[in-house]
Amino acid sequence: METANRFARDLIVQETGYGILKERGIDLIAADKPDAFLDDTPTAKLIRQVLGAVSEFEKAMVVSKLKGARDRKRATGVKVEGRKNYAEINPEMVALAKKLRRYKVQGRKRTLREIAGELAQAEFVTDTGKPYAAAAIARMIEA
């Protein structure tokens, strides 16, 4: 394995995983400390557990910092997580889709596939050059 802390970033998971692998006759050899999992002395066990606890702490700190940053950014009204929706990617296309849905043709609403066809004529197509699927049009209209 790469480093001892890459095996697990949770002390209980590390020690449980180490115990299971040891029972099955599998030796863990970390690139940064080759003897970290090989020695079974009380001192080696203490050092392994202390380093595991430090890794767990570091992970918790990173998670906490990232959450704080996301919360601060979210407080400013900025979208933080998830994919961009169609309105964020191409607001003109969504506006046209909504307009096409709103105005009737020959006394009836356009179908989602008809809207997709008209968007394609206006050169609003997927990345592969095909018209949008009906489900995608429905999401655009709902946005």
N, C-alpha and C. Protein backbone atom coordinates (compact mmCIF):
# COMPACT_ATOMS: atom_id res chain seq x y z
N MET A 1 0.84 -1.18 0.00
CA MET A 1 0.00 0.00 0.00
C MET A 1 0.88 1.24 0.00
N GLU A 2 0.29 2.34 -0.37
CA GLU A 2 1.00 3.60 -0.46
C GLU A 2 1.60 4.03 0.87
N THR A 3 0.73 4.46 1.77
CA THR A 3 1.16 4.87 3.10
C THR A 3 0.25 4.22 4.12
N ALA A 4 0.71 4.19 5.35
CA ALA A 4 -0.07 3.54 6.40
C ALA A 4 -1.42 4.23 6.60
N ASN A 5 -1.46 5.56 6.47
CA ASN A 5 -2.73 6.26 6.70
C ASN A 5 -3.70 6.12 5.53
N ARG A 6 -3.27 5.58 4.39
CA ARG A 6 -4.18 5.35 3.27
C ARG A 6 -4.97 4.05 3.45
N PHE A 7 -4.50 3.18 4.34
CA PHE A 7 -5.23 1.95 4.61
C PHE A 7 -6.57 2.27 5.23
N ALA A 8 -6.60 3.19 6.17
CA ALA A 8 -7.86 3.61 6.80
C ALA A 8 -7.63 4.95 7.47
N ARG A 9 -8.66 5.77 7.48
CA ARG A 9 -8.58 7.06 8.16
C ARG A 9 -9.48 7.07 9.38
N ASP A 10 -9.76 5.88 9.89
CA ASP A 10 -10.55 5.70 11.09
C ASP A 10 -9.84 4.63 11.90
N LEU A 11 -9.51 4.91 13.14
CA LEU A 11 -8.69 4.01 13.95
C LEU A 11 -9.34 2.64 14.11
N ILE A 12 -10.63 2.59 14.37
CA ILE A 12 -11.30 1.31 14.57
C ILE A 12 -11.30 0.51 13.26
N VAL A 13 -11.55 1.17 12.16
CA VAL A 13 -11.52 0.49 10.85
C VAL A 13 -10.11 -0.03 10.58
N GLN A 14 -9.11 0.78 10.90
CA GLN A 14 -7.72 0.36 10.67
C GLN A 14 -7.39 -0.89 11.47
N GLU A 15 -7.69 -0.88 12.76
CA GLU A 15 -7.33 -2.01 13.60
C GLU A 15 -8.16 -3.25 13.28
N THR A 16 -9.44 -3.07 12.96
CA THR A 16 -10.28 -4.20 12.59
C THR A 16 -9.81 -4.80 11.27
N GLY A 17 -9.57 -3.94 10.29
CA GLY A 17 -9.08 -4.41 8.99
C GLY A 17 -7.74 -5.11 9.11
N TYR A 18 -6.85 -4.54 9.93
CA TYR A 18 -5.54 -5.15 10.15
C TYR A 18 -5.70 -6.54 10.78
N GLY A 19 -6.59 -6.65 11.76
CA GLY A 19 -6.82 -7.93 12.44
C GLY A 19 -7.37 -8.98 11.48
N ILE A 20 -8.32 -8.60 10.65
CA ILE A 20 -8.91 -9.54 9.68
C ILE A 20 -7.87 -10.02 8.68
N LEU A 21 -7.09 -9.09 8.15
CA LEU A 21 -6.06 -9.46 7.18
C LEU A 21 -4.99 -10.34 7.82
N LYS A 22 -4.63 -10.02 9.06
CA LYS A 22 -3.62 -10.81 9.76
C LYS A 22 -4.12 -12.24 9.98
N GLU A 23 -5.41 -12.40 10.34
CA GLU A 23 -6.00 -13.73 10.53
C GLU A 23 -5.94 -14.55 9.24
N ARG A 24 -6.05 -13.88 8.12
CA ARG A 24 -6.04 -14.57 6.81
C ARG A 24 -4.63 -14.75 6.25
N GLY A 25 -3.64 -14.34 7.01
CA GLY A 25 -2.27 -14.53 6.60
C GLY A 25 -1.76 -13.50 5.62
N ILE A 26 -2.41 -12.36 5.56
CA ILE A 26 -2.01 -11.29 4.63
C ILE A 26 -1.22 -10.25 5.40
N ASP A 27 -0.03 -9.93 4.91
CA ASP A 27 0.80 -8.91 5.53
C ASP A 27 0.59 -7.57 4.84
N LEU A 28 0.41 -6.53 5.64
CA LEU A 28 0.33 -5.17 5.11
C LEU A 28 1.72 -4.56 5.18
N ILE A 29 2.16 -3.99 4.08
CA ILE A 29 3.46 -3.33 4.06
C ILE A 29 3.25 -1.93 3.48
N ALA A 30 3.42 -0.94 4.32
CA ALA A 30 3.23 0.44 3.90
C ALA A 30 4.53 0.97 3.32
N ALA A 31 4.44 1.75 2.26
CA ALA A 31 5.63 2.30 1.60
C ALA A 31 6.38 3.25 2.52
N ASP A 32 5.66 4.03 3.33
CA ASP A 32 6.33 5.01 4.18
C ASP A 32 6.90 4.39 5.46
N LYS A 33 6.31 3.33 5.96
CA LYS A 33 6.79 2.66 7.17
C LYS A 33 6.58 1.17 6.99
N PRO A 34 7.52 0.50 6.35
CA PRO A 34 7.34 -0.93 6.03
C PRO A 34 7.06 -1.82 7.23
N ASP A 35 7.52 -1.43 8.42
CA ASP A 35 7.29 -2.29 9.58
C ASP A 35 6.07 -1.88 10.41
N ALA A 36 5.29 -0.89 9.96
CA ALA A 36 4.17 -0.39 10.75
C ALA A 36 3.15 -1.48 11.06
N PHE A 37 2.92 -2.39 10.12
CA PHE A 37 1.93 -3.44 10.34
C PHE A 37 2.58 -4.82 10.53
N LEU A 38 3.88 -4.88 10.44
CA LEU A 38 4.55 -6.17 10.56
C LEU A 38 4.95 -6.48 12.00
N ASP A 39 5.42 -5.48 12.72
CA ASP A 39 5.82 -5.70 14.11
C ASP A 39 4.59 -5.86 14.99
N ASP A 40 4.67 -6.78 15.93
CA ASP A 40 3.54 -7.01 16.83
C ASP A 40 3.90 -6.68 18.28
N THR A 41 4.94 -5.88 18.46
CA THR A 41 5.35 -5.51 19.81
C THR A 41 4.38 -4.47 20.35
N PRO A 42 4.28 -4.35 21.67
CA PRO A 42 3.40 -3.33 22.26
C PRO A 42 3.75 -1.92 21.78
N THR A 43 5.04 -1.64 21.61
CA THR A 43 5.45 -0.32 21.13
C THR A 43 4.99 -0.08 19.70
N ALA A 44 5.16 -1.07 18.83
CA ALA A 44 4.73 -0.93 17.44
C ALA A 44 3.22 -0.75 17.36
N LYS A 45 2.49 -1.48 18.20
CA LYS A 45 1.02 -1.36 18.22
C LYS A 45 0.62 0.04 18.67
N LEU A 46 1.29 0.57 19.71
CA LEU A 46 1.00 1.91 20.20
C LEU A 46 1.25 2.94 19.11
N ILE A 47 2.40 2.86 18.45
CA ILE A 47 2.74 3.83 17.40
C ILE A 47 1.73 3.74 16.25
N ARG A 48 1.37 2.51 15.85
CA ARG A 48 0.40 2.32 14.77
C ARG A 48 -0.94 2.96 15.14
N GLN A 49 -1.37 2.76 16.39
CA GLN A 49 -2.64 3.31 16.82
C GLN A 49 -2.59 4.83 16.96
N VAL A 50 -1.49 5.34 17.44
CA VAL A 50 -1.36 6.81 17.56
C VAL A 50 -1.38 7.44 16.17
N LEU A 51 -0.62 6.85 15.23
CA LEU A 51 -0.63 7.39 13.87
C LEU A 51 -2.01 7.26 13.23
N GLY A 52 -2.71 6.17 13.53
CA GLY A 52 -4.08 6.00 13.04
C GLY A 52 -5.01 7.06 13.61
N ALA A 53 -4.84 7.37 14.89
CA ALA A 53 -5.66 8.41 15.52
C ALA A 53 -5.36 9.77 14.92
N VAL A 54 -4.08 10.04 14.62
CA VAL A 54 -3.71 11.31 13.98
C VAL A 54 -4.34 11.40 12.59
N SER A 55 -4.32 10.30 11.84
CA SER A 55 -4.95 10.29 10.51
C SER A 55 -6.44 10.55 10.61
N GLU A 56 -7.07 9.95 11.61
CA GLU A 56 -8.51 10.17 11.82
C GLU A 56 -8.78 11.63 12.14
N PHE A 57 -7.94 12.23 12.99
CA PHE A 57 -8.08 13.64 13.33
C PHE A 57 -7.90 14.53 12.11
N GLU A 58 -6.86 14.26 11.31
CA GLU A 58 -6.62 15.05 10.10
C GLU A 58 -7.81 14.99 9.15
N LYS A 59 -8.38 13.80 8.99
CA LYS A 59 -9.55 13.65 8.12
C LYS A 59 -10.71 14.49 8.65
N ALA A 60 -10.94 14.41 9.97
CA ALA A 60 -12.03 15.18 10.57
C ALA A 60 -11.82 16.68 10.37
N MET A 61 -10.58 17.14 10.47
CA MET A 61 -10.29 18.56 10.27
C MET A 61 -10.55 18.99 8.83
N VAL A 62 -10.15 18.16 7.87
CA VAL A 62 -10.38 18.48 6.46
C VAL A 62 -11.88 18.54 6.17
N VAL A 63 -12.62 17.55 6.68
CA VAL A 63 -14.07 17.52 6.48
C VAL A 63 -14.71 18.76 7.08
N SER A 64 -14.27 19.14 8.27
CA SER A 64 -14.81 20.32 8.94
C SER A 64 -14.52 21.60 8.16
N LYS A 65 -13.29 21.74 7.67
CA LYS A 65 -12.93 22.93 6.89
C LYS A 65 -13.73 23.02 5.59
N LEU A 66 -13.88 21.88 4.91
CA LEU A 66 -14.65 21.88 3.66
C LEU A 66 -16.12 22.22 3.91
N LYS A 67 -16.68 21.68 5.00
CA LYS A 67 -18.08 21.99 5.33
C LYS A 67 -18.24 23.47 5.62
N GLY A 68 -17.29 24.03 6.38
CA GLY A 68 -17.34 25.46 6.69
C GLY A 68 -17.28 26.30 5.43
N ALA A 69 -16.39 25.92 4.52
CA ALA A 69 -16.27 26.67 3.26
C ALA A 69 -17.55 26.58 2.44
N ARG A 70 -18.13 25.37 2.36
CA ARG A 70 -19.40 25.21 1.62
C ARG A 70 -20.50 26.04 2.26
N ASP A 71 -20.58 26.01 3.59
CA ASP A 71 -21.62 26.78 4.28
C ASP A 71 -21.46 28.29 4.05
N ARG A 72 -20.21 28.77 4.09
CA ARG A 72 -19.98 30.21 3.84
C ARG A 72 -20.37 30.58 2.43
N LYS A 73 -20.02 29.74 1.48
CA LYS A 73 -20.34 30.04 0.08
C LYS A 73 -21.85 29.97 -0.14
N ARG A 74 -22.49 28.96 0.45
CA ARG A 74 -23.94 28.79 0.33
C ARG A 74 -24.67 30.00 0.92
N ALA A 75 -24.13 30.58 1.99
CA ALA A 75 -24.75 31.75 2.63
C ALA A 75 -24.77 32.96 1.71
N THR A 76 -23.87 33.00 0.73
CA THR A 76 -23.86 34.12 -0.21
C THR A 76 -24.85 33.90 -1.35
N GLY A 77 -25.52 32.74 -1.35
CA GLY A 77 -26.51 32.46 -2.38
C GLY A 77 -25.96 31.70 -3.57
N VAL A 78 -24.72 31.27 -3.48
CA VAL A 78 -24.09 30.55 -4.58
C VAL A 78 -24.40 29.06 -4.45
N LYS A 79 -24.70 28.42 -5.58
CA LYS A 79 -24.92 26.98 -5.57
C LYS A 79 -23.59 26.30 -5.33
N VAL A 80 -23.57 25.35 -4.42
CA VAL A 80 -22.31 24.75 -4.01
C VAL A 80 -22.17 23.31 -4.50
N GLU A 81 -23.24 22.55 -4.46
CA GLU A 81 -23.14 21.13 -4.76
C GLU A 81 -24.05 20.76 -5.91
N GLY A 82 -23.74 19.65 -6.53
CA GLY A 82 -24.58 19.12 -7.58
C GLY A 82 -24.23 19.66 -8.95
N ARG A 83 -24.81 18.99 -9.92
CA ARG A 83 -24.60 19.42 -11.31
C ARG A 83 -25.31 20.73 -11.59
N LYS A 84 -24.81 21.42 -12.58
CA LYS A 84 -25.52 22.61 -13.03
C LYS A 84 -26.78 22.17 -13.76
N ASN A 85 -27.87 22.90 -13.54
CA ASN A 85 -29.09 22.57 -14.27
C ASN A 85 -29.08 23.29 -15.62
N TYR A 86 -30.06 22.98 -16.44
CA TYR A 86 -30.09 23.55 -17.79
C TYR A 86 -30.16 25.08 -17.77
N ALA A 87 -30.86 25.64 -16.79
CA ALA A 87 -30.98 27.10 -16.71
C ALA A 87 -29.63 27.74 -16.40
N GLU A 88 -28.78 27.04 -15.66
CA GLU A 88 -27.45 27.58 -15.37
C GLU A 88 -26.52 27.42 -16.56
N ILE A 89 -26.69 26.33 -17.31
CA ILE A 89 -25.83 26.06 -18.45
C ILE A 89 -26.19 26.95 -19.64
N ASN A 90 -27.50 27.02 -19.95
CA ASN A 90 -27.93 27.77 -21.12
C ASN A 90 -29.30 28.40 -20.86
N PRO A 91 -29.33 29.55 -20.23
CA PRO A 91 -30.62 30.18 -19.88
C PRO A 91 -31.47 30.54 -21.10
N GLU A 92 -30.83 30.86 -22.23
CA GLU A 92 -31.59 31.20 -23.43
C GLU A 92 -32.39 30.00 -23.92
N MET A 93 -31.79 28.82 -23.88
CA MET A 93 -32.46 27.61 -24.32
C MET A 93 -33.67 27.31 -23.43
N VAL A 94 -33.50 27.45 -22.13
CA VAL A 94 -34.60 27.18 -21.19
C VAL A 94 -35.72 28.19 -21.40
N ALA A 95 -35.36 29.44 -21.61
CA ALA A 95 -36.39 30.47 -21.85
C ALA A 95 -37.18 30.15 -23.11
N LEU A 96 -36.50 29.70 -24.15
CA LEU A 96 -37.19 29.34 -25.38
C LEU A 96 -38.08 28.12 -25.18
N ALA A 97 -37.59 27.13 -24.46
CA ALA A 97 -38.40 25.93 -24.19
C ALA A 97 -39.67 26.30 -23.44
N LYS A 98 -39.56 27.15 -22.44
CA LYS A 98 -40.73 27.59 -21.67
C LYS A 98 -41.71 28.37 -22.55
N LYS A 99 -41.15 29.22 -23.40
CA LYS A 99 -41.99 30.02 -24.30
C LYS A 99 -42.73 29.11 -25.27
N LEU A 100 -42.02 28.12 -25.84
CA LEU A 100 -42.66 27.19 -26.78
C LEU A 100 -43.76 26.39 -26.09
N ARG A 101 -43.57 26.04 -24.84
CA ARG A 101 -44.58 25.27 -24.10
C ARG A 101 -45.78 26.15 -23.77
N ARG A 102 -45.54 27.41 -23.46
CA ARG A 102 -46.59 28.31 -23.03
C ARG A 102 -47.56 28.67 -24.16
N TYR A 103 -47.03 28.91 -25.36
CA TYR A 103 -47.87 29.35 -26.46
C TYR A 103 -48.37 28.18 -27.28
N LYS A 104 -49.67 28.15 -27.46
CA LYS A 104 -50.30 27.04 -28.17
C LYS A 104 -50.14 27.18 -29.68
N VAL A 105 -50.21 26.02 -30.35
CA VAL A 105 -50.18 25.96 -31.80
C VAL A 105 -51.44 25.23 -32.23
N GLN A 106 -52.24 25.85 -33.07
CA GLN A 106 -53.50 25.27 -33.53
C GLN A 106 -54.37 24.82 -32.36
N GLY A 107 -54.41 25.62 -31.31
CA GLY A 107 -55.29 25.37 -30.18
C GLY A 107 -54.81 24.32 -29.18
N ARG A 108 -53.59 23.82 -29.32
CA ARG A 108 -53.10 22.81 -28.36
C ARG A 108 -51.66 23.13 -27.96
N LYS A 109 -51.31 22.62 -26.79
CA LYS A 109 -49.92 22.79 -26.34
C LYS A 109 -49.00 21.90 -27.15
N ARG A 110 -47.79 22.36 -27.34
CA ARG A 110 -46.80 21.53 -28.01
C ARG A 110 -46.40 20.36 -27.10
N THR A 111 -46.10 19.22 -27.70
CA THR A 111 -45.59 18.09 -26.92
C THR A 111 -44.12 18.37 -26.59
N LEU A 112 -43.61 17.61 -25.64
CA LEU A 112 -42.20 17.76 -25.27
C LEU A 112 -41.29 17.44 -26.45
N ARG A 113 -41.66 16.45 -27.23
CA ARG A 113 -40.86 16.09 -28.41
C ARG A 113 -40.90 17.18 -29.47
N GLU A 114 -42.06 17.81 -29.62
CA GLU A 114 -42.15 18.93 -30.57
C GLU A 114 -41.25 20.09 -30.12
N ILE A 115 -41.26 20.34 -28.83
CA ILE A 115 -40.40 21.40 -28.30
C ILE A 115 -38.93 21.05 -28.54
N ALA A 116 -38.57 19.79 -28.33
CA ALA A 116 -37.20 19.34 -28.57
C ALA A 116 -36.82 19.56 -30.03
N GLY A 117 -37.75 19.27 -30.93
CA GLY A 117 -37.49 19.49 -32.36
C GLY A 117 -37.29 20.95 -32.69
N GLU A 118 -38.11 21.80 -32.12
CA GLU A 118 -37.97 23.23 -32.38
C GLU A 118 -36.69 23.79 -31.77
N LEU A 119 -36.30 23.27 -30.60
CA LEU A 119 -35.03 23.69 -30.01
C LEU A 119 -33.87 23.26 -30.91
N ALA A 120 -33.98 22.07 -31.47
CA ALA A 120 -32.93 21.58 -32.37
C ALA A 120 -32.83 22.47 -33.61
N GLN A 121 -33.99 22.91 -34.13
CA GLN A 121 -33.98 23.82 -35.29
C GLN A 121 -33.30 25.14 -34.93
N ALA A 122 -33.43 25.54 -33.66
CA ALA A 122 -32.78 26.77 -33.19
C ALA A 122 -31.34 26.50 -32.76
N GLU A 123 -30.85 25.31 -33.07
CA GLU A 123 -29.48 24.88 -32.80
C GLU A 123 -29.17 24.69 -31.32
N PHE A 124 -30.20 24.35 -30.54
CA PHE A 124 -30.01 23.94 -29.15
C PHE A 124 -30.12 22.43 -29.11
N VAL A 125 -28.97 21.78 -29.14
CA VAL A 125 -28.91 20.31 -29.15
C VAL A 125 -27.95 19.83 -28.05
N THR A 126 -27.93 18.52 -27.82
CA THR A 126 -27.04 17.94 -26.82
C THR A 126 -25.59 18.04 -27.31
N ASP A 127 -24.67 17.65 -26.45
CA ASP A 127 -23.25 17.67 -26.80
C ASP A 127 -22.95 16.75 -27.97
N THR A 128 -23.79 15.73 -28.16
CA THR A 128 -23.58 14.79 -29.27
C THR A 128 -24.27 15.24 -30.54
N GLY A 129 -24.95 16.40 -30.49
CA GLY A 129 -25.60 16.94 -31.68
C GLY A 129 -27.01 16.45 -31.91
N LYS A 130 -27.57 15.74 -30.93
CA LYS A 130 -28.93 15.22 -31.08
C LYS A 130 -29.92 16.12 -30.34
N PRO A 131 -31.19 16.06 -30.74
CA PRO A 131 -32.20 16.82 -30.00
C PRO A 131 -32.32 16.31 -28.57
N TYR A 132 -32.73 17.17 -27.66
CA TYR A 132 -32.91 16.77 -26.27
C TYR A 132 -34.05 15.78 -26.14
N ALA A 133 -33.95 14.90 -25.18
CA ALA A 133 -35.01 13.93 -24.90
C ALA A 133 -36.18 14.64 -24.23
N ALA A 134 -37.34 14.02 -24.29
CA ALA A 134 -38.55 14.60 -23.70
C ALA A 134 -38.35 14.85 -22.20
N ALA A 135 -37.69 13.93 -21.51
CA ALA A 135 -37.46 14.10 -20.08
C ALA A 135 -36.60 15.33 -19.80
N ALA A 136 -35.62 15.60 -20.64
CA ALA A 136 -34.78 16.78 -20.47
C ALA A 136 -35.60 18.05 -20.69
N ILE A 137 -36.47 18.02 -21.68
CA ILE A 137 -37.35 19.19 -21.93
C ILE A 137 -38.24 19.43 -20.72
N ALA A 138 -38.78 18.35 -20.14
CA ALA A 138 -39.63 18.49 -18.96
C ALA A 138 -38.87 19.15 -17.82
N ARG A 139 -37.59 18.76 -17.62
CA ARG A 139 -36.79 19.39 -16.55
C ARG A 139 -36.53 20.85 -16.86
N MET A 140 -36.34 21.19 -18.13
CA MET A 140 -36.12 22.59 -18.50
C MET A 140 -37.35 23.43 -18.17
N ILE A 141 -38.50 22.90 -18.48
CA ILE A 141 -39.74 23.63 -18.28
C ILE A 141 -40.05 23.82 -16.79
N GLU A 142 -39.69 22.81 -15.99
CA GLU A 142 -39.93 22.88 -14.55
C GLU A 142 -39.01 23.88 -13.87
N ALA A 143 -37.84 24.12 -14.43
CA ALA A 143 -36.82 24.96 -13.78
C ALA A 143 -37.28 26.38 -13.64
